[in-house]
Structure formats: structure tokens, C-alpha cells
């Protein structure tokens, strides 16, 4: 993915993990990124702040705005890099389903 390795890393905090779920909090300064990764489980994202996502994937780059509190779900197998494409810090909760 173009440019992701030069970006500062986002901060992940494990909030809970058990046999059914893994719940992470992600915090991003402007320009910070998760790094390229593939989700091995279905997951839900719940923004805690307004999120100005810059998504880098096999199709290129796209910008997606998701307001605080508006959740979305994705299936396992999604390969991408998530970047804070906005000018303010952003944060979201990611819930991965194990079972």
C-alpha cells in the first residue's frame, strides 16, 4: 500500500478479549495509521469521534467520513490500511467476533 510505512502508528488498546470477542480501542493523531493488515474475523467499528478515514487498499485510496456513534460492519478477509485523513485526533472501538 502506498505510503503507509512512512506514517506514524495509531495506538491500539485491548479493552476485552474472551472466547467470543476481541474489543480494541484505536486512537489516531492526524496522519497516523494502523499499518496494512488483514482482518481474520468479522468485525464492527463504532467511532467515538467523527472519523475522517483515509482507506488504502488493493483498489487504491478513498476517503470515508463516519460520524461519532455511527457503526459499520465488515466481513473477515478485508485487507487495508486505515489512516486519520482529518486534521483532528480520532478514535474508534473495533469489535472482532471469534465465534
PDB file of N, CA and C in Angstrom:
ATOM      1  N   UNK A   1       0.839  -1.174   0.000  1.00  0.00           N
ATOM      2  CA  UNK A   1       0.000   0.000   0.000  1.00  0.00           C
ATOM      3  C   UNK A   1       0.888   1.243   0.000  1.00  0.00           C
ATOM      4  N   UNK A   2       0.573   2.199  -0.819  1.00  0.00           N
ATOM      5  CA  UNK A   2       1.410   3.379  -0.932  1.00  0.00           C
ATOM      6  C   UNK A   2       1.438   4.203   0.337  1.00  0.00           C
ATOM      7  N   UNK A   3       2.640   4.526   0.805  1.00  0.00           N
ATOM      8  CA  UNK A   3       2.804   5.491   1.873  1.00  0.00           C
ATOM      9  C   UNK A   3       2.549   5.035   3.294  1.00  0.00           C
ATOM     10  N   UNK A   4       1.966   3.854   3.498  1.00  0.00           N
ATOM     11  CA  UNK A   4       1.567   3.529   4.862  1.00  0.00           C
ATOM     12  C   UNK A   4       2.742   3.359   5.807  1.00  0.00           C
ATOM     13  N   UNK A   5       3.889   2.877   5.328  1.00  0.00           N
ATOM     14  CA  UNK A   5       5.006   2.611   6.228  1.00  0.00           C
ATOM     15  C   UNK A   5       5.626   3.905   6.766  1.00  0.00           C
ATOM     16  N   UNK A   6       5.469   5.026   6.060  1.00  0.00           N
ATOM     17  CA  UNK A   6       6.054   6.288   6.496  1.00  0.00           C
ATOM     18  C   UNK A   6       5.156   7.044   7.474  1.00  0.00           C
ATOM     19  N   UNK A   7       3.972   6.539   7.722  1.00  0.00           N
ATOM     20  CA  UNK A   7       3.028   7.226   8.595  1.00  0.00           C
ATOM     21  C   UNK A   7       3.283   6.849  10.052  1.00  0.00           C
ATOM     22  N   UNK A   8       3.030   7.794  10.991  1.00  0.00           N
ATOM     23  CA  UNK A   8       3.152   7.435  12.411  1.00  0.00           C
ATOM     24  C   UNK A   8       2.080   6.405  12.782  1.00  0.00           C
ATOM     25  N   UNK A   9       2.385   5.528  13.739  1.00  0.00           N
ATOM     26  CA  UNK A   9       1.411   4.491  14.090  1.00  0.00           C
ATOM     27  C   UNK A   9       0.260   5.006  14.954  1.00  0.00           C
ATOM     28  N   UNK A  10      -0.928   4.460  14.699  1.00  0.00           N
ATOM     29  CA  UNK A  10      -2.064   4.666  15.603  1.00  0.00           C
ATOM     30  C   UNK A  10      -1.794   3.845  16.861  1.00  0.00           C
ATOM     31  N   UNK A  11      -2.495   4.174  17.940  1.00  0.00           N
ATOM     32  CA  UNK A  11      -2.337   3.461  19.202  1.00  0.00           C
ATOM     33  C   UNK A  11      -3.531   2.547  19.428  1.00  0.00           C
ATOM     34  N   UNK A  12      -3.254   1.274  19.673  1.00  0.00           N
ATOM     35  CA  UNK A  12      -4.335   0.333  19.971  1.00  0.00           C
ATOM     36  C   UNK A  12      -4.265  -0.075  21.441  1.00  0.00           C
ATOM     37  N   UNK A  13      -5.437  -0.202  22.049  1.00  0.00           N
ATOM     38  CA  UNK A  13      -5.550  -0.605  23.447  1.00  0.00           C
ATOM     39  C   UNK A  13      -6.554  -1.747  23.525  1.00  0.00           C
ATOM     40  N   UNK A  14      -6.119  -2.897  24.020  1.00  0.00           N
ATOM     41  CA  UNK A  14      -7.020  -4.029  24.200  1.00  0.00           C
ATOM     42  C   UNK A  14      -7.937  -3.747  25.383  1.00  0.00           C
ATOM     43  N   UNK A  15      -9.238  -3.723  25.136  1.00  0.00           N
ATOM     44  CA  UNK A  15     -10.210  -3.453  26.194  1.00  0.00           C
ATOM     45  C   UNK A  15     -10.781  -4.735  26.780  1.00  0.00           C
ATOM     46  N   UNK A  16     -10.983  -5.741  25.927  1.00  0.00           N
ATOM     47  CA  UNK A  16     -11.529  -7.015  26.401  1.00  0.00           C
ATOM     48  C   UNK A  16     -11.227  -8.088  25.366  1.00  0.00           C
ATOM     49  N   UNK A  17     -10.936  -9.298  25.855  1.00  0.00           N
ATOM     50  CA  UNK A  17     -10.794 -10.440  24.967  1.00  0.00           C
ATOM     51  C   UNK A  17     -11.237 -11.677  25.710  1.00  0.00           C
ATOM     52  N   UNK A  18     -12.110 -12.453  25.050  1.00  0.00           N
ATOM     53  CA  UNK A  18     -12.560 -13.714  25.620  1.00  0.00           C
ATOM     54  C   UNK A  18     -12.797 -14.693  24.471  1.00  0.00           C
ATOM     55  N   UNK A  19     -13.504 -15.767  24.708  1.00  0.00           N
ATOM     56  CA  UNK A  19     -13.719 -16.785  23.676  1.00  0.00           C
ATOM     57  C   UNK A  19     -14.576 -16.284  22.521  1.00  0.00           C
ATOM     58  N   UNK A  20     -15.388 -15.251  22.730  1.00  0.00           N
ATOM     59  CA  UNK A  20     -16.291 -14.763  21.684  1.00  0.00           C
ATOM     60  C   UNK A  20     -15.808 -13.522  20.942  1.00  0.00           C
ATOM     61  N   UNK A  21     -15.147 -12.584  21.636  1.00  0.00           N
ATOM     62  CA  UNK A  21     -14.803 -11.300  21.019  1.00  0.00           C
ATOM     63  C   UNK A  21     -13.426 -10.800  21.431  1.00  0.00           C
ATOM     64  N   UNK A  22     -12.901  -9.912  20.592  1.00  0.00           N
ATOM     65  CA  UNK A  22     -11.743  -9.087  20.953  1.00  0.00           C
ATOM     66  C   UNK A  22     -12.193  -7.652  20.716  1.00  0.00           C
ATOM     67  N   UNK A  23     -12.083  -6.806  21.745  1.00  0.00           N
ATOM     68  CA  UNK A  23     -12.509  -5.406  21.647  1.00  0.00           C
ATOM     69  C   UNK A  23     -11.279  -4.520  21.830  1.00  0.00           C
ATOM     70  N   UNK A  24     -11.015  -3.708  20.794  1.00  0.00           N
ATOM     71  CA  UNK A  24      -9.863  -2.813  20.807  1.00  0.00           C
ATOM     72  C   UNK A  24     -10.340  -1.367  20.674  1.00  0.00           C
ATOM     73  N   UNK A  25      -9.616  -0.479  21.324  1.00  0.00           N
ATOM     74  CA  UNK A  25      -9.792   0.959  21.091  1.00  0.00           C
ATOM     75  C   UNK A  25      -8.612   1.411  20.243  1.00  0.00           C
ATOM     76  N   UNK A  26      -8.908   2.170  19.199  1.00  0.00           N
ATOM     77  CA  UNK A  26      -7.873   2.734  18.342  1.00  0.00           C
ATOM     78  C   UNK A  26      -7.912   4.252  18.449  1.00  0.00           C
ATOM     79  N   UNK A  27      -6.734   4.852  18.687  1.00  0.00           N
ATOM     80  CA  UNK A  27      -6.584   6.309  18.764  1.00  0.00           C
ATOM     81  C   UNK A  27      -5.568   6.749  17.714  1.00  0.00           C
ATOM     82  N   UNK A  28      -5.932   7.790  16.970  1.00  0.00           N
ATOM     83  CA  UNK A  28      -5.119   8.282  15.859  1.00  0.00           C
ATOM     84  C   UNK A  28      -4.896   9.780  15.988  1.00  0.00           C
ATOM     85  N   UNK A  29      -3.659  10.209  15.945  1.00  0.00           N
ATOM     86  CA  UNK A  29      -3.356  11.612  15.713  1.00  0.00           C
ATOM     87  C   UNK A  29      -3.536  11.859  14.219  1.00  0.00           C
ATOM     88  N   UNK A  30      -3.666  13.092  13.778  1.00  0.00           N
ATOM     89  CA  UNK A  30      -3.776  13.339  12.333  1.00  0.00           C
ATOM     90  C   UNK A  30      -2.602  12.698  11.583  1.00  0.00           C
ATOM     91  N   UNK A  31      -2.915  11.958  10.532  1.00  0.00           N
ATOM     92  CA  UNK A  31      -1.900  11.294   9.723  1.00  0.00           C
ATOM     93  C   UNK A  31      -1.480   9.920  10.220  1.00  0.00           C
ATOM     94  N   UNK A  32      -1.876   9.537  11.436  1.00  0.00           N
ATOM     95  CA  UNK A  32      -1.487   8.232  11.980  1.00  0.00           C
ATOM     96  C   UNK A  32      -2.239   7.112  11.269  1.00  0.00           C
ATOM     97  N   UNK A  33      -1.645   5.912  11.274  1.00  0.00           N
ATOM     98  CA  UNK A  33      -2.203   4.779  10.533  1.00  0.00           C
ATOM     99  C   UNK A  33      -2.080   3.481  11.325  1.00  0.00           C
ATOM    100  N   UNK A  34      -2.956   2.542  10.992  1.00  0.00           N
ATOM    101  CA  UNK A  34      -2.885   1.209  11.600  1.00  0.00           C
ATOM    102  C   UNK A  34      -1.737   0.392  11.022  1.00  0.00           C
ATOM    103  N   UNK A  35      -1.345   0.679   9.789  1.00  0.00           N
ATOM    104  CA  UNK A  35      -0.440  -0.193   9.047  1.00  0.00           C
ATOM    105  C   UNK A  35      -1.279  -1.214   8.294  1.00  0.00           C
ATOM    106  N   UNK A  36      -0.760  -1.698   7.192  1.00  0.00           N
ATOM    107  CA  UNK A  36      -1.502  -2.648   6.363  1.00  0.00           C
ATOM    108  C   UNK A  36      -1.762  -3.920   7.162  1.00  0.00           C
ATOM    109  N   UNK A  37      -3.015  -4.388   7.134  1.00  0.00           N
ATOM    110  CA  UNK A  37      -3.390  -5.597   7.870  1.00  0.00           C
ATOM    111  C   UNK A  37      -4.601  -6.249   7.225  1.00  0.00           C
ATOM    112  N   UNK A  38      -4.827  -7.503   7.580  1.00  0.00           N
ATOM    113  CA  UNK A  38      -5.973  -8.266   7.096  1.00  0.00           C
ATOM    114  C   UNK A  38      -6.760  -8.740   8.302  1.00  0.00           C
ATOM    115  N   UNK A  39      -8.050  -8.519   8.297  1.00  0.00           N
ATOM    116  CA  UNK A  39      -8.907  -8.972   9.391  1.00  0.00           C
ATOM    117  C   UNK A  39      -9.217 -10.454   9.213  1.00  0.00           C
ATOM    118  N   UNK A  40      -8.900 -11.252  10.225  1.00  0.00           N
ATOM    119  CA  UNK A  40      -9.174 -12.680  10.203  1.00  0.00           C
ATOM    120  C   UNK A  40     -10.549 -13.032  10.736  1.00  0.00           C
ATOM    121  N   UNK A  41     -11.259 -12.036  11.243  1.00  0.00           N
ATOM    122  CA  UNK A  41     -12.589 -12.250  11.815  1.00  0.00           C
ATOM    123  C   UNK A  41     -13.535 -11.154  11.337  1.00  0.00           C
ATOM    124  N   UNK A  42     -14.852 -11.447  11.314  1.00  0.00           N
ATOM    125  CA  UNK A  42     -15.838 -10.397  11.081  1.00  0.00           C
ATOM    126  C   UNK A  42     -15.671  -9.349  12.179  1.00  0.00           C
ATOM    127  N   UNK A  43     -15.984  -8.089  11.855  1.00  0.00           N
ATOM    128  CA  UNK A  43     -15.802  -7.042  12.867  1.00  0.00           C
ATOM    129  C   UNK A  43     -16.785  -5.894  12.693  1.00  0.00           C
ATOM    130  N   UNK A  44     -16.948  -5.145  13.780  1.00  0.00           N
ATOM    131  CA  UNK A  44     -17.778  -3.945  13.833  1.00  0.00           C
ATOM    132  C   UNK A  44     -16.908  -2.798  14.328  1.00  0.00           C
ATOM    133  N   UNK A  45     -17.075  -1.628  13.730  1.00  0.00           N
ATOM    134  CA  UNK A  45     -16.365  -0.417  14.159  1.00  0.00           C
ATOM    135  C   UNK A  45     -17.400   0.597  14.643  1.00  0.00           C
ATOM    136  N   UNK A  46     -17.133   1.187  15.817  1.00  0.00           N
ATOM    137  CA  UNK A  46     -18.002   2.218  16.384  1.00  0.00           C
ATOM    138  C   UNK A  46     -17.144   3.454  16.665  1.00  0.00           C
ATOM    139  N   UNK A  47     -17.240   4.497  15.838  1.00  0.00           N
ATOM    140  CA  UNK A  47     -16.458   5.705  16.069  1.00  0.00           C
ATOM    141  C   UNK A  47     -16.846   6.410  17.368  1.00  0.00           C
ATOM    142  N   UNK A  48     -15.844   6.790  18.124  1.00  0.00           N
ATOM    143  CA  UNK A  48     -16.043   7.582  19.343  1.00  0.00           C
ATOM    144  C   UNK A  48     -16.003   9.072  19.027  1.00  0.00           C
ATOM    145  N   UNK A  49     -15.342   9.404  17.928  1.00  0.00           N
ATOM    146  CA  UNK A  49     -15.265  10.778  17.432  1.00  0.00           C
ATOM    147  C   UNK A  49     -15.700  10.755  15.973  1.00  0.00           C
ATOM    148  N   UNK A  50     -15.926  11.912  15.391  1.00  0.00           N
ATOM    149  CA  UNK A  50     -16.086  11.950  13.946  1.00  0.00           C
ATOM    150  C   UNK A  50     -14.786  11.425  13.338  1.00  0.00           C
ATOM    151  N   UNK A  51     -14.894  10.529  12.368  1.00  0.00           N
ATOM    152  CA  UNK A  51     -13.702   9.914  11.782  1.00  0.00           C
ATOM    153  C   UNK A  51     -13.607  10.248  10.299  1.00  0.00           C
ATOM    154  N   UNK A  52     -12.500  10.861   9.939  1.00  0.00           N
ATOM    155  CA  UNK A  52     -12.184  11.162   8.548  1.00  0.00           C
ATOM    156  C   UNK A  52     -11.180  10.103   8.087  1.00  0.00           C
ATOM    157  N   UNK A  53     -11.714   8.955   7.683  1.00  0.00           N
ATOM    158  CA  UNK A  53     -10.868   7.831   7.291  1.00  0.00           C
ATOM    159  C   UNK A  53     -10.266   8.049   5.908  1.00  0.00           C
ATOM    160  N   UNK A  54      -8.992   7.735   5.787  1.00  0.00           N
ATOM    161  CA  UNK A  54      -8.342   7.550   4.503  1.00  0.00           C
ATOM    162  C   UNK A  54      -8.042   6.063   4.446  1.00  0.00           C
ATOM    163  N   UNK A  55      -8.688   5.336   3.551  1.00  0.00           N
ATOM    164  CA  UNK A  55      -8.532   3.895   3.447  1.00  0.00           C
ATOM    165  C   UNK A  55      -7.612   3.594   2.273  1.00  0.00           C
ATOM    166  N   UNK A  56      -6.558   2.838   2.528  1.00  0.00           N
ATOM    167  CA  UNK A  56      -5.639   2.389   1.480  1.00  0.00           C
ATOM    168  C   UNK A  56      -5.810   0.881   1.351  1.00  0.00           C
ATOM    169  N   UNK A  57      -6.161   0.441   0.128  1.00  0.00           N
ATOM    170  CA  UNK A  57      -6.331  -0.989  -0.098  1.00  0.00           C
ATOM    171  C   UNK A  57      -5.922  -1.333  -1.528  1.00  0.00           C
ATOM    172  N   UNK A  58      -6.224  -2.547  -1.960  1.00  0.00           N
ATOM    173  CA  UNK A  58      -5.815  -3.001  -3.287  1.00  0.00           C
ATOM    174  C   UNK A  58      -6.416  -2.159  -4.403  1.00  0.00           C
ATOM    175  N   UNK A  59      -7.516  -1.480  -4.137  1.00  0.00           N
ATOM    176  CA  UNK A  59      -8.175  -0.648  -5.142  1.00  0.00           C
ATOM    177  C   UNK A  59      -7.632   0.776  -5.174  1.00  0.00           C
ATOM    178  N   UNK A  60      -6.744   1.121  -4.241  1.00  0.00           N
ATOM    179  CA  UNK A  60      -6.181   2.466  -4.174  1.00  0.00           C
ATOM    180  C   UNK A  60      -6.527   3.142  -2.865  1.00  0.00           C
ATOM    181  N   UNK A  61      -6.766   4.448  -2.925  1.00  0.00           N
ATOM    182  CA  UNK A  61      -7.116   5.232  -1.737  1.00  0.00           C
ATOM    183  C   UNK A  61      -8.513   5.803  -1.886  1.00  0.00           C
ATOM    184  N   UNK A  62      -9.231   5.863  -0.767  1.00  0.00           N
ATOM    185  CA  UNK A  62     -10.539   6.535  -0.764  1.00  0.00           C
ATOM    186  C   UNK A  62     -10.751   7.158   0.610  1.00  0.00           C
ATOM    187  N   UNK A  63     -11.508   8.224   0.625  1.00  0.00           N
ATOM    188  CA  UNK A  63     -11.837   8.915   1.875  1.00  0.00           C
ATOM    189  C   UNK A  63     -13.269   8.588   2.259  1.00  0.00           C
ATOM    190  N   UNK A  64     -13.454   8.304   3.544  1.00  0.00           N
ATOM    191  CA  UNK A  64     -14.776   7.969   4.076  1.00  0.00           C
ATOM    192  C   UNK A  64     -14.963   8.739   5.372  1.00  0.00           C
ATOM    193  N   UNK A  65     -16.063   9.485   5.465  1.00  0.00           N
ATOM    194  CA  UNK A  65     -16.393  10.173   6.710  1.00  0.00           C
ATOM    195  C   UNK A  65     -17.450   9.350   7.436  1.00  0.00           C
ATOM    196  N   UNK A  66     -17.178   9.040   8.708  1.00  0.00           N
ATOM    197  CA  UNK A  66     -18.146   8.331   9.543  1.00  0.00           C
ATOM    198  C   UNK A  66     -18.307   9.121  10.833  1.00  0.00           C
ATOM    199  N   UNK A  67     -19.514   9.629  11.121  1.00  0.00           N
ATOM    200  CA  UNK A  67     -19.710  10.430  12.329  1.00  0.00           C
ATOM    201  C   UNK A  67     -19.647   9.588  13.597  1.00  0.00           C
ATOM    202  N   UNK A  68     -19.341  10.242  14.689  1.00  0.00           N
ATOM    203  CA  UNK A  68     -19.296   9.579  16.002  1.00  0.00           C
ATOM    204  C   UNK A  68     -20.602   8.838  16.242  1.00  0.00           C
ATOM    205  N   UNK A  69     -20.481   7.597  16.708  1.00  0.00           N
ATOM    206  CA  UNK A  69     -21.648   6.809  17.074  1.00  0.00           C
ATOM    207  C   UNK A  69     -22.296   6.042  15.938  1.00  0.00           C
ATOM    208  N   UNK A  70     -21.898   6.278  14.695  1.00  0.00           N
ATOM    209  CA  UNK A  70     -22.493   5.564  13.557  1.00  0.00           C
ATOM    210  C   UNK A  70     -21.629   4.345  13.222  1.00  0.00           C
ATOM    211  N   UNK A  71     -22.092   3.167  13.562  1.00  0.00           N
ATOM    212  CA  UNK A  71     -21.294   1.953  13.409  1.00  0.00           C
ATOM    213  C   UNK A  71     -21.376   1.382  11.995  1.00  0.00           C
ATOM    214  N   UNK A  72     -20.398   0.524  11.678  1.00  0.00           N
ATOM    215  CA  UNK A  72     -20.442  -0.253  10.441  1.00  0.00           C
ATOM    216  C   UNK A  72     -19.799  -1.606  10.683  1.00  0.00           C
ATOM    217  N   UNK A  73     -20.153  -2.587   9.823  1.00  0.00           N
ATOM    218  CA  UNK A  73     -19.680  -3.960   9.957  1.00  0.00           C
ATOM    219  C   UNK A  73     -18.987  -4.387   8.670  1.00  0.00           C
ATOM    220  N   UNK A  74     -17.935  -5.221   8.822  1.00  0.00           N
ATOM    221  CA  UNK A  74     -17.209  -5.753   7.676  1.00  0.00           C
ATOM    222  C   UNK A  74     -16.939  -7.244   7.909  1.00  0.00           C
ATOM    223  N   UNK A  75     -16.828  -8.005   6.819  1.00  0.00           N
ATOM    224  CA  UNK A  75     -16.513  -9.433   6.950  1.00  0.00           C
ATOM    225  C   UNK A  75     -15.014  -9.678   7.112  1.00  0.00           C
ATOM    226  N   UNK A  76     -14.672 -10.867   7.553  1.00  0.00           N
ATOM    227  CA  UNK A  76     -13.263 -11.284   7.633  1.00  0.00           C
ATOM    228  C   UNK A  76     -12.652 -11.211   6.234  1.00  0.00           C
ATOM    229  N   UNK A  77     -11.320 -11.057   6.197  1.00  0.00           N
ATOM    230  CA  UNK A  77     -10.605 -11.065   4.933  1.00  0.00           C
ATOM    231  C   UNK A  77     -10.342  -9.701   4.338  1.00  0.00           C
ATOM    232  N   UNK A  78     -10.803  -8.646   4.988  1.00  0.00           N
ATOM    233  CA  UNK A  78     -10.592  -7.287   4.478  1.00  0.00           C
ATOM    234  C   UNK A  78      -9.123  -6.899   4.696  1.00  0.00           C
ATOM    235  N   UNK A  79      -8.429  -6.565   3.612  1.00  0.00           N
ATOM    236  CA  UNK A  79      -7.026  -6.136   3.672  1.00  0.00           C
ATOM    237  C   UNK A  79      -6.975  -4.636   3.413  1.00  0.00           C
ATOM    238  N   UNK A  80      -6.379  -3.876   4.350  1.00  0.00           N
ATOM    239  CA  UNK A  80      -6.351  -2.424   4.199  1.00  0.00           C
ATOM    240  C   UNK A  80      -5.413  -1.780   5.211  1.00  0.00           C
ATOM    241  N   UNK A  81      -5.224  -0.487   5.035  1.00  0.00           N
ATOM    242  CA  UNK A  81      -4.547   0.376   5.991  1.00  0.00           C
ATOM    243  C   UNK A  81      -5.523   1.506   6.289  1.00  0.00           C
ATOM    244  N   UNK A  82      -5.722   1.811   7.565  1.00  0.00           N
ATOM    245  CA  UNK A  82      -6.623   2.892   7.979  1.00  0.00           C
ATOM    246  C   UNK A  82      -5.770   4.066   8.453  1.00  0.00           C
ATOM    247  N   UNK A  83      -6.029   5.233   7.878  1.00  0.00           N
ATOM    248  CA  UNK A  83      -5.265   6.452   8.192  1.00  0.00           C
ATOM    249  C   UNK A  83      -6.248   7.520   8.659  1.00  0.00           C
ATOM    250  N   UNK A  84      -5.831   8.322   9.646  1.00  0.00           N
ATOM    251  CA  UNK A  84      -6.613   9.501  10.006  1.00  0.00           C
ATOM    252  C   UNK A  84      -6.338  10.557   8.949  1.00  0.00           C
ATOM    253  N   UNK A  85      -7.301  10.734   8.042  1.00  0.00           N
ATOM    254  CA  UNK A  85      -7.156  11.699   6.969  1.00  0.00           C
ATOM    255  C   UNK A  85      -7.655  13.085   7.330  1.00  0.00           C
ATOM    256  N   UNK A  86      -8.016  13.282   8.609  1.00  0.00           N
ATOM    257  CA  UNK A  86      -8.514  14.576   9.052  1.00  0.00           C
ATOM    258  C   UNK A  86      -7.451  15.400   9.752  1.00  0.00           C
ATOM    259  N   UNK A  87      -7.887  16.540  10.293  1.00  0.00           N
ATOM    260  CA  UNK A  87      -6.967  17.460  10.962  1.00  0.00           C
ATOM    261  C   UNK A  87      -7.054  17.389  12.481  1.00  0.00           C
ATOM    262  N   UNK A  88      -7.944  16.548  13.020  1.00  0.00           N
ATOM    263  CA  UNK A  88      -8.119  16.402  14.472  1.00  0.00           C
ATOM    264  C   UNK A  88      -7.896  14.942  14.859  1.00  0.00           C
ATOM    265  N   UNK A  89      -7.544  14.692  16.123  1.00  0.00           N
ATOM    266  CA  UNK A  89      -7.443  13.293  16.560  1.00  0.00           C
ATOM    267  C   UNK A  89      -8.773  12.573  16.354  1.00  0.00           C
ATOM    268  N   UNK A  90      -8.697  11.262  16.130  1.00  0.00           N
ATOM    269  CA  UNK A  90      -9.912  10.455  16.001  1.00  0.00           C
ATOM    270  C   UNK A  90      -9.732   9.157  16.776  1.00  0.00           C
ATOM    271  N   UNK A  91     -10.861   8.536  17.148  1.00  0.00           N
ATOM    272  CA  UNK A  91     -10.819   7.286  17.912  1.00  0.00           C
ATOM    273  C   UNK A  91     -12.045   6.448  17.572  1.00  0.00           C
ATOM    274  N   UNK A  92     -11.855   5.129  17.611  1.00  0.00           N
ATOM    275  CA  UNK A  92     -12.983   4.225  17.434  1.00  0.00           C
ATOM    276  C   UNK A  92     -12.766   2.944  18.213  1.00  0.00           C
ATOM    277  N   UNK A  93     -13.858   2.229  18.447  1.00  0.00           N
ATOM    278  CA  UNK A  93     -13.849   0.906  19.056  1.00  0.00           C
ATOM    279  C   UNK A  93     -14.034  -0.106  17.931  1.00  0.00           C
ATOM    280  N   UNK A  94     -13.213  -1.157  17.952  1.00  0.00           N
ATOM    281  CA  UNK A  94     -13.316  -2.239  16.974  1.00  0.00           C
ATOM    282  C   UNK A  94     -13.634  -3.533  17.722  1.00  0.00           C
ATOM    283  N   UNK A  95     -14.709  -4.195  17.309  1.00  0.00           N
ATOM    284  CA  UNK A  95     -15.155  -5.430  17.957  1.00  0.00           C
ATOM    285  C   UNK A  95     -15.038  -6.546  16.932  1.00  0.00           C
ATOM    286  N   UNK A  96     -14.143  -7.499  17.180  1.00  0.00           N
ATOM    287  CA  UNK A  96     -13.959  -8.643  16.288  1.00  0.00           C
ATOM    288  C   UNK A  96     -14.655  -9.855  16.910  1.00  0.00           C
ATOM    289  N   UNK A  97     -15.414 -10.581  16.074  1.00  0.00           N
ATOM    290  CA  UNK A  97     -16.176 -11.742  16.532  1.00  0.00           C
ATOM    291  C   UNK A  97     -15.379 -13.022  16.301  1.00  0.00           C
ATOM    292  N   UNK A  98     -15.107 -13.754  17.376  1.00  0.00           N
ATOM    293  CA  UNK A  98     -14.354 -15.006  17.269  1.00  0.00           C
ATOM    294  C   UNK A  98     -15.269 -16.189  17.014  1.00  0.00           C
ATOM    295  N   UNK A  99     -16.479 -16.132  17.502  1.00  0.00           N
ATOM    296  CA  UNK A  99     -17.371 -17.285  17.368  1.00  0.00           C
ATOM    297  C   UNK A  99     -18.693 -16.872  16.754  1.00  0.00           C
TER     298      UNK A  99
END
